[in-house]
Protein backbone atom coordinates (compact mmCIF):
# COMPACT_ATOMS: atom_id res chain seq x y z
CA MET A 1 132.50 123.39 97.15
CA PRO A 2 129.27 121.71 96.72
CA ALA A 3 125.87 123.56 94.93
CA ILE A 4 123.90 123.28 98.48
CA GLN A 5 124.91 125.00 101.62
CA LEU A 6 123.48 123.92 104.78
CA THR A 7 123.43 125.69 108.19
CA PRO A 8 124.42 123.87 111.09
CA ALA A 9 121.04 123.54 112.42
CA GLN A 10 119.85 122.25 108.94
CA ARG A 11 122.86 119.70 109.04
CA LYS A 12 122.28 118.41 112.38
CA VAL A 13 118.14 117.53 111.45
CA HIS A 14 119.21 115.77 108.55
CA ARG A 15 121.97 113.98 110.72
CA ALA A 16 118.73 113.02 113.03
CA GLU A 17 117.02 111.99 110.14
CA ALA A 18 119.57 109.81 108.62
CA HIS A 19 120.62 107.97 111.81
CA HIS A 20 118.26 104.82 111.20
CA LEU A 21 118.70 104.72 107.23
CA ASP A 22 120.67 101.65 105.99
CA PRO A 23 123.45 102.18 103.34
CA ILE A 24 122.01 102.11 99.97
CA VAL A 25 124.96 102.66 97.96
CA MET A 26 128.29 101.05 98.42
CA ILE A 27 131.73 102.01 96.74
CA GLY A 28 134.02 99.03 96.40
CA GLY A 29 137.97 98.38 95.40
CA ASP A 30 137.07 100.18 92.23
CA GLY A 31 136.48 103.19 93.69
CA LEU A 32 134.10 106.11 92.27
CA THR A 33 132.83 104.84 88.95
CA SER A 34 130.26 106.30 86.66
CA ALA A 35 128.05 103.40 87.78
CA VAL A 36 128.30 104.43 91.35
CA LYS A 37 127.43 108.13 90.42
CA LYS A 38 124.45 106.89 88.38
CA GLU A 39 123.27 104.71 91.32
CA ALA A 40 123.44 107.51 93.99
CA ASP A 41 121.86 109.94 91.71
CA ALA A 42 119.00 107.78 91.50
CA ALA A 43 118.95 106.88 95.11
CA LEU A 44 119.03 110.90 96.12
CA LYS A 45 116.12 111.40 93.30
CA ALA A 46 113.99 108.49 95.14
CA HIS A 47 114.89 109.34 98.89
CA GLY A 48 116.58 112.37 99.36
CA LEU A 49 118.57 111.84 101.84
CA ILE A 50 121.11 108.41 101.56
CA LYS A 51 123.88 106.53 103.29
CA VAL A 52 126.76 105.68 101.15
CA ARG A 53 129.32 103.01 102.53
CA VAL A 54 132.80 103.01 101.43
CA PHE A 55 135.03 100.11 101.54
CA SER A 56 138.28 101.84 101.55
CA ASP A 57 140.73 102.29 104.75
CA ASP A 58 141.83 105.59 103.69
CA ARG A 59 140.25 108.59 105.42
CA ALA A 60 141.31 110.90 102.94
CA ALA A 61 140.04 108.83 99.84
CA ARG A 62 136.72 108.73 101.63
CA GLU A 63 136.70 112.45 101.97
CA ALA A 64 137.39 112.79 98.47
CA ILE A 65 134.95 110.92 97.16
CA LEU A 66 132.27 112.49 99.70
CA GLN A 67 133.38 115.90 98.16
CA THR A 68 133.20 114.82 94.89
CA LEU A 69 129.76 112.97 95.05
CA ALA A 70 128.54 116.47 96.65
CA ASP A 71 129.83 118.27 93.80
CA ASP A 72 128.64 115.96 90.93
CA LEU A 73 125.23 115.40 92.35
CA ASP A 74 124.69 119.03 93.41
CA ALA A 75 124.31 117.44 96.87
CA ALA A 76 124.83 118.70 100.40
CA PRO A 77 127.48 116.64 102.26
CA ILE A 78 125.68 115.96 105.95
CA GLN A 79 128.29 113.83 107.52
CA HIS A 80 131.11 111.73 107.30
CA ILE A 81 131.68 109.14 110.09
CA GLY A 82 133.85 105.89 109.69
CA LYS A 83 133.20 104.02 106.38
CA LEU A 84 129.79 105.97 105.90
CA LEU A 85 128.90 108.88 104.22
CA VAL A 86 125.70 110.73 104.38
CA LEU A 87 124.34 112.93 101.17
CA TRP A 88 121.33 115.35 101.09
CA ARG A 89 119.72 116.75 98.11
CA PRO A 90 115.90 118.26 97.80
CA MET A 91 113.54 115.58 96.10
CA PRO A 92 112.27 117.03 92.95
CA GLU A 93 108.24 117.52 92.79
CA LYS A 94 106.55 114.56 91.25
CA GLU A 95 104.45 115.11 88.39
CA ARG A 96 100.87 114.08 88.95
CA VAL A 97 98.78 112.96 85.81
CA LEU A 98 95.15 113.39 86.55
CA ASP A 99 93.28 110.66 84.91
CA GLU A 100 89.38 111.83 84.28
CA ASP A 101 88.25 107.99 83.73
CA ARG A 102 89.53 106.84 87.48
CA MET A 103 87.08 106.81 90.43
CA PRO A 104 87.86 107.59 93.59
CA GLY A 105 89.38 104.88 95.86
CA PRO A 106 88.73 104.13 99.24
CA ARG A 107 88.59 106.44 101.86
CA ASP A 108 88.55 105.89 106.07
CA VAL A 109 86.00 107.68 107.83
CA LYS A 110 85.50 108.19 111.41
CA VAL A 111 82.03 107.57 112.70
CA ILE A 112 80.50 108.43 116.49
CA LYS A 113 77.87 106.33 117.68
CA TYR A 114 76.00 108.04 120.99
CA SER A 115 75.21 105.72 123.39
CA LYS A 116 71.03 105.61 124.34
CA ARG A 117 72.36 105.62 127.93
CA GLY A 118 73.25 109.12 128.69
CA GLY A 119 76.45 108.60 130.90
CA GLN A 120 78.61 106.38 128.49
CA ARG A 121 81.25 107.40 126.07
CA PRO A 122 80.37 107.64 122.32
CA GLU A 123 81.48 104.90 120.46
CA ILE A 124 84.42 105.91 118.04
CA LYS A 125 84.83 103.70 114.99
CA THR A 126 86.88 104.18 111.75
CA LEU A 127 85.30 102.61 108.86
CA ARG A 128 86.62 102.12 105.15
CA VAL A 129 84.33 103.44 102.50
CA LEU A 130 85.14 101.65 99.25
CA GLY A 131 84.19 103.55 95.77
CA ASN A 132 80.92 101.62 95.24
CA GLN A 133 79.61 101.96 98.83
CA ARG A 134 78.14 105.03 100.57
CA LEU A 135 77.93 106.06 104.44
CA THR A 136 74.06 106.17 105.70
CA SER A 137 72.96 108.93 108.18
CA GLY A 138 72.97 105.52 110.72
CA GLY A 139 76.74 104.88 110.36
CA ASN A 140 76.28 102.04 108.52
CA ILE A 141 77.89 101.18 105.04
CA LYS A 142 75.40 100.43 102.32
CA ARG A 143 76.43 99.25 98.54
CA ALA A 144 75.36 101.34 95.80
CA LYS A 145 72.51 99.61 93.87
CA PRO A 146 72.87 99.14 90.16
CA ARG A 147 70.73 101.49 88.31
CA LYS A 148 67.69 99.79 86.75
CA PRO A 149 67.26 100.49 83.15
CA LEU A 150 64.09 102.61 82.71
CA SER A 151 60.62 101.24 81.76
CA ASP A 152 59.18 102.33 78.25
CA LYS A 153 56.63 104.26 80.03
CA LYS A 154 59.18 106.20 81.71
CA ARG A 155 61.49 106.49 79.10
CA ARG A 156 58.63 108.06 76.83
CA GLN A 157 57.66 110.43 79.67
CA ALA A 158 61.37 111.88 80.08
CA ASP A 159 61.22 112.52 76.15
């Protein structure tokens, strides 16, 4: 009995999502080895939904492989059609490490420029603004100027 129980509607959604996937794990003549289980576990961690191809002609053996994989990897068996098996397991939350020294990356900004003529449509452009750039009120991108060092006179006034 697999650890994850799905409703038929959930299973149907996962079958539809798996339709365009290619098999990630291949099970050959040696059958279900520990290396195959390890690869299937890594693929489930990375993708959540995987297809497994079994090169065995015995349908009962393929069904047993599906149940064994589902039980050992705490996954839900989604589908067994022909020599393809589909498994699903929810993806674990990724830990995000915040780096305080990191600067913001590029961002895409939509700019709307209205026509000087009243009846024409406004022009919509998507601009990519890099970390060292800024967007002016007129919709232009300007590079940030490097700060000039303060003169001796201004430095003395600031103190």
